[in-house]
């Protein structure tokens, strides 16, 4: 199977979310997975095994990570280290974000 080189926001919004997941996967290569996450009402996330980068596609709100809170909006990039408590709070109804999982279980150190 050929490695996907391109994913659009429209494709991401329409991609099916498999049972047991909260986001749709658009690409995978090695340890990297690109997903799209658009929670409704609240964000029930728990810490993940890999480091994550979020790139906000739409909406605004507050990102909680490792005891800190920051405001976010479209185009912002956010980082959540592996194993760290994090979630989106007080987000707008149109909120959606790209999520890039990468690296070894337990995260990168350095």
PDB file of N, CA and C in Angstrom:
ATOM      1  N   UNK A   1       0.847  -1.181   0.000  1.00  0.00           N
ATOM      2  CA  UNK A   1       0.000   0.000   0.000  1.00  0.00           C
ATOM      3  C   UNK A   1       0.889   1.241   0.000  1.00  0.00           C
ATOM      4  N   UNK A   2       0.543   2.212  -0.810  1.00  0.00           N
ATOM      5  CA  UNK A   2       1.319   3.442  -0.901  1.00  0.00           C
ATOM      6  C   UNK A   2       1.081   4.326   0.318  1.00  0.00           C
ATOM      7  N   UNK A   3       2.126   4.977   0.758  1.00  0.00           N
ATOM      8  CA  UNK A   3       2.038   5.906   1.877  1.00  0.00           C
ATOM      9  C   UNK A   3       1.214   7.117   1.463  1.00  0.00           C
ATOM     10  N   UNK A   4       0.161   7.474   2.224  1.00  0.00           N
ATOM     11  CA  UNK A   4      -0.593   8.690   1.888  1.00  0.00           C
ATOM     12  C   UNK A   4       0.305   9.918   2.022  1.00  0.00           C
ATOM     13  N   UNK A   5       0.230  10.787   1.058  1.00  0.00           N
ATOM     14  CA  UNK A   5       1.043  12.004   1.071  1.00  0.00           C
ATOM     15  C   UNK A   5       0.233  13.249   1.381  1.00  0.00           C
ATOM     16  N   UNK A   6      -1.104  13.105   1.424  1.00  0.00           N
ATOM     17  CA  UNK A   6      -1.950  14.281   1.504  1.00  0.00           C
ATOM     18  C   UNK A   6      -3.241  13.921   2.218  1.00  0.00           C
ATOM     19  N   UNK A   7      -3.694  14.784   3.093  1.00  0.00           N
ATOM     20  CA  UNK A   7      -4.998  14.614   3.746  1.00  0.00           C
ATOM     21  C   UNK A   7      -5.612  16.004   3.871  1.00  0.00           C
ATOM     22  N   UNK A   8      -6.855  16.133   3.489  1.00  0.00           N
ATOM     23  CA  UNK A   8      -7.528  17.421   3.589  1.00  0.00           C
ATOM     24  C   UNK A   8      -8.362  17.486   4.865  1.00  0.00           C
ATOM     25  N   UNK A   9      -8.685  18.685   5.280  1.00  0.00           N
ATOM     26  CA  UNK A   9      -9.528  18.874   6.452  1.00  0.00           C
ATOM     27  C   UNK A   9     -10.918  18.299   6.209  1.00  0.00           C
ATOM     28  N   UNK A  10     -11.443  18.449   4.994  1.00  0.00           N
ATOM     29  CA  UNK A  10     -12.747  17.860   4.674  1.00  0.00           C
ATOM     30  C   UNK A  10     -12.714  16.342   4.806  1.00  0.00           C
ATOM     31  N   UNK A  11     -11.645  15.704   4.302  1.00  0.00           N
ATOM     32  CA  UNK A  11     -11.504  14.254   4.452  1.00  0.00           C
ATOM     33  C   UNK A  11     -11.438  13.862   5.922  1.00  0.00           C
ATOM     34  N   UNK A  12     -10.691  14.630   6.689  1.00  0.00           N
ATOM     35  CA  UNK A  12     -10.532  14.337   8.111  1.00  0.00           C
ATOM     36  C   UNK A  12     -11.867  14.420   8.845  1.00  0.00           C
ATOM     37  N   UNK A  13     -12.639  15.443   8.549  1.00  0.00           N
ATOM     38  CA  UNK A  13     -13.941  15.625   9.209  1.00  0.00           C
ATOM     39  C   UNK A  13     -14.919  14.509   8.877  1.00  0.00           C
ATOM     40  N   UNK A  14     -14.785  13.910   7.711  1.00  0.00           N
ATOM     41  CA  UNK A  14     -15.712  12.868   7.258  1.00  0.00           C
ATOM     42  C   UNK A  14     -15.194  11.452   7.502  1.00  0.00           C
ATOM     43  N   UNK A  15     -13.950  11.312   7.918  1.00  0.00           N
ATOM     44  CA  UNK A  15     -13.358   9.982   8.111  1.00  0.00           C
ATOM     45  C   UNK A  15     -14.053   9.249   9.255  1.00  0.00           C
ATOM     46  N   UNK A  16     -14.274   7.956   9.078  1.00  0.00           N
ATOM     47  CA  UNK A  16     -14.931   7.188  10.141  1.00  0.00           C
ATOM     48  C   UNK A  16     -14.032   7.032  11.363  1.00  0.00           C
ATOM     49  N   UNK A  17     -14.648   7.013  12.518  1.00  0.00           N
ATOM     50  CA  UNK A  17     -13.934   6.781  13.774  1.00  0.00           C
ATOM     51  C   UNK A  17     -14.207   5.338  14.182  1.00  0.00           C
ATOM     52  N   UNK A  18     -13.165   4.514  14.218  1.00  0.00           N
ATOM     53  CA  UNK A  18     -13.363   3.099  14.557  1.00  0.00           C
ATOM     54  C   UNK A  18     -13.861   2.921  15.995  1.00  0.00           C
ATOM     55  N   UNK A  19     -14.564   1.833  16.213  1.00  0.00           N
ATOM     56  CA  UNK A  19     -15.032   1.504  17.563  1.00  0.00           C
ATOM     57  C   UNK A  19     -13.838   1.456  18.507  1.00  0.00           C
ATOM     58  N   UNK A  20     -14.009   2.042  19.681  1.00  0.00           N
ATOM     59  CA  UNK A  20     -12.942   2.052  20.682  1.00  0.00           C
ATOM     60  C   UNK A  20     -11.979   3.214  20.544  1.00  0.00           C
ATOM     61  N   UNK A  21     -12.159   4.062  19.535  1.00  0.00           N
ATOM     62  CA  UNK A  21     -11.287   5.224  19.318  1.00  0.00           C
ATOM     63  C   UNK A  21     -12.103   6.504  19.425  1.00  0.00           C
ATOM     64  N   UNK A  22     -11.415   7.622  19.648  1.00  0.00           N
ATOM     65  CA  UNK A  22     -12.074   8.930  19.718  1.00  0.00           C
ATOM     66  C   UNK A  22     -11.696   9.823  18.548  1.00  0.00           C
ATOM     67  N   UNK A  23     -10.836   9.303  17.664  1.00  0.00           N
ATOM     68  CA  UNK A  23     -10.377  10.105  16.540  1.00  0.00           C
ATOM     69  C   UNK A  23     -10.232   9.219  15.308  1.00  0.00           C
ATOM     70  N   UNK A  24     -10.202   9.868  14.148  1.00  0.00           N
ATOM     71  CA  UNK A  24     -10.062   9.174  12.869  1.00  0.00           C
ATOM     72  C   UNK A  24      -8.604   9.206  12.433  1.00  0.00           C
ATOM     73  N   UNK A  25      -8.088   8.070  11.969  1.00  0.00           N
ATOM     74  CA  UNK A  25      -6.711   8.007  11.483  1.00  0.00           C
ATOM     75  C   UNK A  25      -6.662   8.314   9.995  1.00  0.00           C
ATOM     76  N   UNK A  26      -5.751   9.223   9.601  1.00  0.00           N
ATOM     77  CA  UNK A  26      -5.596   9.608   8.202  1.00  0.00           C
ATOM     78  C   UNK A  26      -4.311   9.090   7.589  1.00  0.00           C
ATOM     79  N   UNK A  27      -3.256   8.950   8.404  1.00  0.00           N
ATOM     80  CA  UNK A  27      -1.958   8.474   7.911  1.00  0.00           C
ATOM     81  C   UNK A  27      -1.251   7.709   9.016  1.00  0.00           C
ATOM     82  N   UNK A  28      -0.393   6.781   8.593  1.00  0.00           N
ATOM     83  CA  UNK A  28       0.467   6.054   9.528  1.00  0.00           C
ATOM     84  C   UNK A  28       1.748   5.705   8.797  1.00  0.00           C
ATOM     85  N   UNK A  29       2.881   5.897   9.485  1.00  0.00           N
ATOM     86  CA  UNK A  29       4.189   5.523   8.940  1.00  0.00           C
ATOM     87  C   UNK A  29       5.138   5.326  10.110  1.00  0.00           C
ATOM     88  N   UNK A  30       5.668   4.126  10.258  1.00  0.00           N
ATOM     89  CA  UNK A  30       6.547   3.854  11.397  1.00  0.00           C
ATOM     90  C   UNK A  30       5.809   4.132  12.696  1.00  0.00           C
ATOM     91  N   UNK A  31       6.407   4.919  13.560  1.00  0.00           N
ATOM     92  CA  UNK A  31       5.774   5.241  14.848  1.00  0.00           C
ATOM     93  C   UNK A  31       4.783   6.396  14.742  1.00  0.00           C
ATOM     94  N   UNK A  32       4.720   7.061  13.579  1.00  0.00           N
ATOM     95  CA  UNK A  32       3.878   8.249  13.419  1.00  0.00           C
ATOM     96  C   UNK A  32       2.472   7.874  12.973  1.00  0.00           C
ATOM     97  N   UNK A  33       1.499   8.522  13.612  1.00  0.00           N
ATOM     98  CA  UNK A  33       0.106   8.412  13.160  1.00  0.00           C
ATOM     99  C   UNK A  33      -0.484   9.815  13.146  1.00  0.00           C
ATOM    100  N   UNK A  34      -1.167  10.156  12.054  1.00  0.00           N
ATOM    101  CA  UNK A  34      -1.885  11.417  11.948  1.00  0.00           C
ATOM    102  C   UNK A  34      -3.361  11.115  12.113  1.00  0.00           C
ATOM    103  N   UNK A  35      -3.994  11.806  13.068  1.00  0.00           N
ATOM    104  CA  UNK A  35      -5.412  11.596  13.349  1.00  0.00           C
ATOM    105  C   UNK A  35      -6.118  12.951  13.367  1.00  0.00           C
ATOM    106  N   UNK A  36      -7.439  12.920  13.353  1.00  0.00           N
ATOM    107  CA  UNK A  36      -8.247  14.126  13.494  1.00  0.00           C
ATOM    108  C   UNK A  36      -9.192  13.899  14.666  1.00  0.00           C
ATOM    109  N   UNK A  37      -9.222  14.870  15.587  1.00  0.00           N
ATOM    110  CA  UNK A  37      -9.991  14.745  16.822  1.00  0.00           C
ATOM    111  C   UNK A  37     -10.918  15.944  16.956  1.00  0.00           C
ATOM    112  N   UNK A  38     -12.209  15.669  17.117  1.00  0.00           N
ATOM    113  CA  UNK A  38     -13.215  16.726  17.264  1.00  0.00           C
ATOM    114  C   UNK A  38     -14.216  16.300  18.343  1.00  0.00           C
ATOM    115  N   UNK A  39     -13.828  16.430  19.617  1.00  0.00           N
ATOM    116  CA  UNK A  39     -14.732  16.005  20.690  1.00  0.00           C
ATOM    117  C   UNK A  39     -15.982  16.870  20.737  1.00  0.00           C
ATOM    118  N   UNK A  40     -17.052  16.292  21.234  1.00  0.00           N
ATOM    119  CA  UNK A  40     -18.320  17.009  21.365  1.00  0.00           C
ATOM    120  C   UNK A  40     -18.689  17.106  22.839  1.00  0.00           C
ATOM    121  N   UNK A  41     -18.843  18.312  23.341  1.00  0.00           N
ATOM    122  CA  UNK A  41     -19.281  18.519  24.723  1.00  0.00           C
ATOM    123  C   UNK A  41     -18.172  18.514  25.740  1.00  0.00           C
ATOM    124  N   UNK A  42     -17.362  17.475  25.764  1.00  0.00           N
ATOM    125  CA  UNK A  42     -16.266  17.374  26.719  1.00  0.00           C
ATOM    126  C   UNK A  42     -15.155  16.527  26.125  1.00  0.00           C
ATOM    127  N   UNK A  43     -14.018  16.536  26.796  1.00  0.00           N
ATOM    128  CA  UNK A  43     -12.855  15.797  26.315  1.00  0.00           C
ATOM    129  C   UNK A  43     -12.461  14.753  27.364  1.00  0.00           C
ATOM    130  N   UNK A  44     -12.804  13.481  27.127  1.00  0.00           N
ATOM    131  CA  UNK A  44     -12.536  12.442  28.109  1.00  0.00           C
ATOM    132  C   UNK A  44     -11.162  11.772  27.992  1.00  0.00           C
ATOM    133  N   UNK A  45     -10.193  12.442  27.374  1.00  0.00           N
ATOM    134  CA  UNK A  45      -8.882  11.826  27.146  1.00  0.00           C
ATOM    135  C   UNK A  45      -8.215  11.364  28.435  1.00  0.00           C
ATOM    136  N   UNK A  46      -7.395  10.351  28.276  1.00  0.00           N
ATOM    137  CA  UNK A  46      -6.486   9.900  29.324  1.00  0.00           C
ATOM    138  C   UNK A  46      -5.079   9.969  28.727  1.00  0.00           C
ATOM    139  N   UNK A  47      -4.035   9.932  29.554  1.00  0.00           N
ATOM    140  CA  UNK A  47      -2.673  10.007  29.010  1.00  0.00           C
ATOM    141  C   UNK A  47      -2.406   8.918  27.965  1.00  0.00           C
ATOM    142  N   UNK A  48      -1.584   9.262  26.977  1.00  0.00           N
ATOM    143  CA  UNK A  48      -1.243   8.353  25.884  1.00  0.00           C
ATOM    144  C   UNK A  48       0.173   7.827  26.038  1.00  0.00           C
ATOM    145  N   UNK A  49       0.468   6.730  25.324  1.00  0.00           N
ATOM    146  CA  UNK A  49       1.789   6.095  25.376  1.00  0.00           C
ATOM    147  C   UNK A  49       2.855   6.839  24.590  1.00  0.00           C
ATOM    148  N   UNK A  50       2.440   7.656  23.609  1.00  0.00           N
ATOM    149  CA  UNK A  50       3.390   8.367  22.746  1.00  0.00           C
ATOM    150  C   UNK A  50       3.267   9.868  22.949  1.00  0.00           C
ATOM    151  N   UNK A  51       4.318  10.597  22.552  1.00  0.00           N
ATOM    152  CA  UNK A  51       4.253  12.050  22.511  1.00  0.00           C
ATOM    153  C   UNK A  51       3.222  12.450  21.463  1.00  0.00           C
ATOM    154  N   UNK A  52       2.616  13.636  21.648  1.00  0.00           N
ATOM    155  CA  UNK A  52       1.590  14.121  20.724  1.00  0.00           C
ATOM    156  C   UNK A  52       1.798  15.595  20.408  1.00  0.00           C
ATOM    157  N   UNK A  53       1.518  15.955  19.191  1.00  0.00           N
ATOM    158  CA  UNK A  53       1.420  17.357  18.792  1.00  0.00           C
ATOM    159  C   UNK A  53       0.019  17.554  18.235  1.00  0.00           C
ATOM    160  N   UNK A  54      -0.660  18.574  18.720  1.00  0.00           N
ATOM    161  CA  UNK A  54      -1.971  18.968  18.208  1.00  0.00           C
ATOM    162  C   UNK A  54      -1.782  20.228  17.379  1.00  0.00           C
ATOM    163  N   UNK A  55      -2.424  20.294  16.232  1.00  0.00           N
ATOM    164  CA  UNK A  55      -2.455  21.511  15.426  1.00  0.00           C
ATOM    165  C   UNK A  55      -3.930  21.842  15.236  1.00  0.00           C
ATOM    166  N   UNK A  56      -4.355  22.921  15.859  1.00  0.00           N
ATOM    167  CA  UNK A  56      -5.769  23.280  15.906  1.00  0.00           C
ATOM    168  C   UNK A  56      -6.241  23.709  14.518  1.00  0.00           C
ATOM    169  N   UNK A  57      -7.271  23.023  14.023  1.00  0.00           N
ATOM    170  CA  UNK A  57      -7.838  23.339  12.714  1.00  0.00           C
ATOM    171  C   UNK A  57      -8.954  24.368  12.829  1.00  0.00           C
ATOM    172  N   UNK A  58      -9.821  24.209  13.828  1.00  0.00           N
ATOM    173  CA  UNK A  58     -10.967  25.111  14.021  1.00  0.00           C
ATOM    174  C   UNK A  58     -11.205  25.287  15.510  1.00  0.00           C
ATOM    175  N   UNK A  59     -11.869  26.375  15.830  1.00  0.00           N
ATOM    176  CA  UNK A  59     -12.345  26.594  17.188  1.00  0.00           C
ATOM    177  C   UNK A  59     -11.312  27.178  18.133  1.00  0.00           C
ATOM    178  N   UNK A  60     -11.746  27.313  19.370  1.00  0.00           N
ATOM    179  CA  UNK A  60     -10.890  27.891  20.403  1.00  0.00           C
ATOM    180  C   UNK A  60     -11.304  27.312  21.755  1.00  0.00           C
ATOM    181  N   UNK A  61     -10.451  27.501  22.740  1.00  0.00           N
ATOM    182  CA  UNK A  61     -10.734  27.015  24.085  1.00  0.00           C
ATOM    183  C   UNK A  61      -9.486  27.059  24.940  1.00  0.00           C
ATOM    184  N   UNK A  62      -9.428  26.152  25.906  1.00  0.00           N
ATOM    185  CA  UNK A  62      -8.306  26.057  26.824  1.00  0.00           C
ATOM    186  C   UNK A  62      -7.721  24.652  26.735  1.00  0.00           C
ATOM    187  N   UNK A  63      -6.387  24.557  26.714  1.00  0.00           N
ATOM    188  CA  UNK A  63      -5.701  23.274  26.723  1.00  0.00           C
ATOM    189  C   UNK A  63      -5.049  23.116  28.077  1.00  0.00           C
ATOM    190  N   UNK A  64      -5.369  22.021  28.774  1.00  0.00           N
ATOM    191  CA  UNK A  64      -4.767  21.685  30.057  1.00  0.00           C
ATOM    192  C   UNK A  64      -3.735  20.592  29.816  1.00  0.00           C
ATOM    193  N   UNK A  65      -2.516  20.779  30.314  1.00  0.00           N
ATOM    194  CA  UNK A  65      -1.465  19.778  30.167  1.00  0.00           C
ATOM    195  C   UNK A  65      -0.471  19.930  31.306  1.00  0.00           C
ATOM    196  N   UNK A  66      -0.251  18.842  32.032  1.00  0.00           N
ATOM    197  CA  UNK A  66       0.764  18.811  33.100  1.00  0.00           C
ATOM    198  C   UNK A  66       0.559  19.931  34.121  1.00  0.00           C
ATOM    199  N   UNK A  67      -0.695  20.196  34.480  1.00  0.00           N
ATOM    200  CA  UNK A  67      -0.985  21.195  35.493  1.00  0.00           C
ATOM    201  C   UNK A  67      -1.029  22.631  35.002  1.00  0.00           C
ATOM    202  N   UNK A  68      -0.816  22.848  33.713  1.00  0.00           N
ATOM    203  CA  UNK A  68      -0.844  24.204  33.148  1.00  0.00           C
ATOM    204  C   UNK A  68      -2.005  24.339  32.184  1.00  0.00           C
ATOM    205  N   UNK A  69      -2.495  25.559  32.006  1.00  0.00           N
ATOM    206  CA  UNK A  69      -3.563  25.855  31.056  1.00  0.00           C
ATOM    207  C   UNK A  69      -3.126  26.982  30.132  1.00  0.00           C
ATOM    208  N   UNK A  70      -3.422  26.793  28.825  1.00  0.00           N
ATOM    209  CA  UNK A  70      -3.150  27.835  27.831  1.00  0.00           C
ATOM    210  C   UNK A  70      -4.375  27.966  26.935  1.00  0.00           C
ATOM    211  N   UNK A  71      -4.610  29.166  26.462  1.00  0.00           N
ATOM    212  CA  UNK A  71      -5.687  29.424  25.509  1.00  0.00           C
ATOM    213  C   UNK A  71      -5.192  29.013  24.125  1.00  0.00           C
ATOM    214  N   UNK A  72      -6.100  28.513  23.273  1.00  0.00           N
ATOM    215  CA  UNK A  72      -5.717  28.132  21.921  1.00  0.00           C
ATOM    216  C   UNK A  72      -6.765  28.596  20.920  1.00  0.00           C
ATOM    217  N   UNK A  73      -6.327  28.687  19.668  1.00  0.00           N
ATOM    218  CA  UNK A  73      -7.194  29.036  18.556  1.00  0.00           C
ATOM    219  C   UNK A  73      -6.673  28.408  17.279  1.00  0.00           C
ATOM    220  N   UNK A  74      -7.352  28.638  16.162  1.00  0.00           N
ATOM    221  CA  UNK A  74      -6.959  28.030  14.884  1.00  0.00           C
ATOM    222  C   UNK A  74      -5.502  28.326  14.528  1.00  0.00           C
ATOM    223  N   UNK A  75      -4.805  27.282  14.100  1.00  0.00           N
ATOM    224  CA  UNK A  75      -3.413  27.423  13.688  1.00  0.00           C
ATOM    225  C   UNK A  75      -2.417  27.209  14.810  1.00  0.00           C
ATOM    226  N   UNK A  76      -2.872  27.159  16.060  1.00  0.00           N
ATOM    227  CA  UNK A  76      -1.952  26.961  17.184  1.00  0.00           C
ATOM    228  C   UNK A  76      -1.477  25.515  17.238  1.00  0.00           C
ATOM    229  N   UNK A  77      -0.249  25.323  17.710  1.00  0.00           N
ATOM    230  CA  UNK A  77       0.320  23.995  17.930  1.00  0.00           C
ATOM    231  C   UNK A  77       0.487  23.792  19.432  1.00  0.00           C
ATOM    232  N   UNK A  78       0.135  22.598  19.893  1.00  0.00           N
ATOM    233  CA  UNK A  78       0.178  22.257  21.317  1.00  0.00           C
ATOM    234  C   UNK A  78       0.910  20.931  21.469  1.00  0.00           C
ATOM    235  N   UNK A  79       1.660  20.763  22.560  1.00  0.00           N
ATOM    236  CA  UNK A  79       2.424  19.544  22.780  1.00  0.00           C
ATOM    237  C   UNK A  79       1.989  18.872  24.073  1.00  0.00           C
ATOM    238  N   UNK A  80       1.820  17.545  24.027  1.00  0.00           N
ATOM    239  CA  UNK A  80       1.516  16.745  25.216  1.00  0.00           C
ATOM    240  C   UNK A  80       2.515  15.592  25.277  1.00  0.00           C
ATOM    241  N   UNK A  81       3.436  15.614  26.234  1.00  0.00           N
ATOM    242  CA  UNK A  81       4.381  14.501  26.365  1.00  0.00           C
ATOM    243  C   UNK A  81       3.666  13.203  26.716  1.00  0.00           C
ATOM    244  N   UNK A  82       4.217  12.100  26.303  1.00  0.00           N
ATOM    245  CA  UNK A  82       3.660  10.785  26.621  1.00  0.00           C
ATOM    246  C   UNK A  82       3.453  10.655  28.123  1.00  0.00           C
ATOM    247  N   UNK A  83       2.323  10.048  28.505  1.00  0.00           N
ATOM    248  CA  UNK A  83       2.044   9.773  29.900  1.00  0.00           C
ATOM    249  C   UNK A  83       1.561  10.955  30.719  1.00  0.00           C
ATOM    250  N   UNK A  84       1.386  12.111  30.086  1.00  0.00           N
ATOM    251  CA  UNK A  84       0.998  13.323  30.798  1.00  0.00           C
ATOM    252  C   UNK A  84      -0.505  13.551  30.722  1.00  0.00           C
ATOM    253  N   UNK A  85      -1.106  13.886  31.863  1.00  0.00           N
ATOM    254  CA  UNK A  85      -2.527  14.230  31.866  1.00  0.00           C
ATOM    255  C   UNK A  85      -2.730  15.478  31.008  1.00  0.00           C
ATOM    256  N   UNK A  86      -3.687  15.419  30.095  1.00  0.00           N
ATOM    257  CA  UNK A  86      -3.993  16.563  29.236  1.00  0.00           C
ATOM    258  C   UNK A  86      -5.414  16.442  28.718  1.00  0.00           C
ATOM    259  N   UNK A  87      -5.991  17.595  28.359  1.00  0.00           N
ATOM    260  CA  UNK A  87      -7.348  17.619  27.809  1.00  0.00           C
ATOM    261  C   UNK A  87      -7.660  19.021  27.298  1.00  0.00           C
ATOM    262  N   UNK A  88      -8.705  19.078  26.477  1.00  0.00           N
ATOM    263  CA  UNK A  88      -9.222  20.350  25.998  1.00  0.00           C
ATOM    264  C   UNK A  88     -10.406  20.718  26.874  1.00  0.00           C
ATOM    265  N   UNK A  89     -10.470  21.989  27.265  1.00  0.00           N
ATOM    266  CA  UNK A  89     -11.521  22.467  28.153  1.00  0.00           C
ATOM    267  C   UNK A  89     -12.186  23.700  27.552  1.00  0.00           C
ATOM    268  N   UNK A  90     -13.438  23.902  27.898  1.00  0.00           N
ATOM    269  CA  UNK A  90     -14.181  25.109  27.491  1.00  0.00           C
ATOM    270  C   UNK A  90     -13.986  25.422  26.013  1.00  0.00           C
ATOM    271  N   UNK A  91     -14.086  24.408  25.176  1.00  0.00           N
ATOM    272  CA  UNK A  91     -13.845  24.620  23.747  1.00  0.00           C
ATOM    273  C   UNK A  91     -15.153  24.899  23.009  1.00  0.00           C
ATOM    274  N   UNK A  92     -15.015  25.594  21.890  1.00  0.00           N
ATOM    275  CA  UNK A  92     -16.174  25.959  21.076  1.00  0.00           C
ATOM    276  C   UNK A  92     -16.746  24.729  20.363  1.00  0.00           C
ATOM    277  N   UNK A  93     -18.005  24.829  19.961  1.00  0.00           N
ATOM    278  CA  UNK A  93     -18.701  23.712  19.315  1.00  0.00           C
ATOM    279  C   UNK A  93     -18.051  23.305  17.997  1.00  0.00           C
ATOM    280  N   UNK A  94     -17.315  24.215  17.356  1.00  0.00           N
ATOM    281  CA  UNK A  94     -16.680  23.901  16.072  1.00  0.00           C
ATOM    282  C   UNK A  94     -15.237  23.413  16.220  1.00  0.00           C
ATOM    283  N   UNK A  95     -14.804  23.120  17.450  1.00  0.00           N
ATOM    284  CA  UNK A  95     -13.418  22.713  17.695  1.00  0.00           C
ATOM    285  C   UNK A  95     -13.072  21.398  17.002  1.00  0.00           C
ATOM    286  N   UNK A  96     -11.915  21.391  16.350  1.00  0.00           N
ATOM    287  CA  UNK A  96     -11.347  20.197  15.744  1.00  0.00           C
ATOM    288  C   UNK A  96      -9.846  20.384  15.611  1.00  0.00           C
ATOM    289  N   UNK A  97      -9.089  19.313  15.772  1.00  0.00           N
ATOM    290  CA  UNK A  97      -7.635  19.423  15.730  1.00  0.00           C
ATOM    291  C   UNK A  97      -6.990  18.214  15.065  1.00  0.00           C
ATOM    292  N   UNK A  98      -5.923  18.464  14.329  1.00  0.00           N
ATOM    293  CA  UNK A  98      -5.065  17.395  13.845  1.00  0.00           C
ATOM    294  C   UNK A  98      -4.276  16.906  15.059  1.00  0.00           C
ATOM    295  N   UNK A  99      -3.990  15.616  15.114  1.00  0.00           N
ATOM    296  CA  UNK A  99      -3.169  15.052  16.188  1.00  0.00           C
ATOM    297  C   UNK A  99      -2.081  14.205  15.542  1.00  0.00           C
ATOM    298  N   UNK A 100      -0.833  14.470  15.913  1.00  0.00           N
ATOM    299  CA  UNK A 100       0.283  13.664  15.439  1.00  0.00           C
ATOM    300  C   UNK A 100       0.855  12.916  16.638  1.00  0.00           C
ATOM    301  N   UNK A 101       0.721  11.593  16.626  1.00  0.00           N
ATOM    302  CA  UNK A 101       1.369  10.735  17.617  1.00  0.00           C
ATOM    303  C   UNK A 101       2.680  10.284  17.007  1.00  0.00           C
ATOM    304  N   UNK A 102       3.752  10.250  17.825  1.00  0.00           N
ATOM    305  CA  UNK A 102       5.035   9.823  17.274  1.00  0.00           C
ATOM    306  C   UNK A 102       5.975   9.332  18.371  1.00  0.00           C
ATOM    307  N   UNK A 103       6.985   8.630  17.945  1.00  0.00           N
ATOM    308  CA  UNK A 103       8.046   8.207  18.846  1.00  0.00           C
ATOM    309  C   UNK A 103       7.747   6.929  19.607  1.00  0.00           C
ATOM    310  N   UNK A 104       8.677   6.534  20.468  1.00  0.00           N
ATOM    311  CA  UNK A 104       8.541   5.285  21.199  1.00  0.00           C
ATOM    312  C   UNK A 104       7.506   5.393  22.319  1.00  0.00           C
ATOM    313  N   UNK A 105       7.004   4.244  22.765  1.00  0.00           N
ATOM    314  CA  UNK A 105       6.145   4.234  23.951  1.00  0.00           C
ATOM    315  C   UNK A 105       6.933   4.820  25.107  1.00  0.00           C
ATOM    316  N   UNK A 106       6.283   5.683  25.874  1.00  0.00           N
ATOM    317  CA  UNK A 106       6.971   6.370  26.957  1.00  0.00           C
ATOM    318  C   UNK A 106       7.520   7.717  26.550  1.00  0.00           C
ATOM    319  N   UNK A 107       7.502   8.010  25.242  1.00  0.00           N
ATOM    320  CA  UNK A 107       7.948   9.308  24.746  1.00  0.00           C
ATOM    321  C   UNK A 107       9.447   9.398  24.527  1.00  0.00           C
ATOM    322  N   UNK A 108       9.820  10.475  23.885  1.00  0.00           N
ATOM    323  CA  UNK A 108      11.235  10.743  23.650  1.00  0.00           C
ATOM    324  C   UNK A 108      11.792  11.498  24.837  1.00  0.00           C
ATOM    325  N   UNK A 109      13.039  11.293  25.114  1.00  0.00           N
ATOM    326  CA  UNK A 109      13.683  11.977  26.241  1.00  0.00           C
ATOM    327  C   UNK A 109      14.894  12.741  25.703  1.00  0.00           C
ATOM    328  N   UNK A 110      14.867  14.046  25.925  1.00  0.00           N
ATOM    329  CA  UNK A 110      16.014  14.784  25.442  1.00  0.00           C
ATOM    330  C   UNK A 110      15.794  16.166  25.138  1.00  0.00           C
TER     331      UNK A 110
END
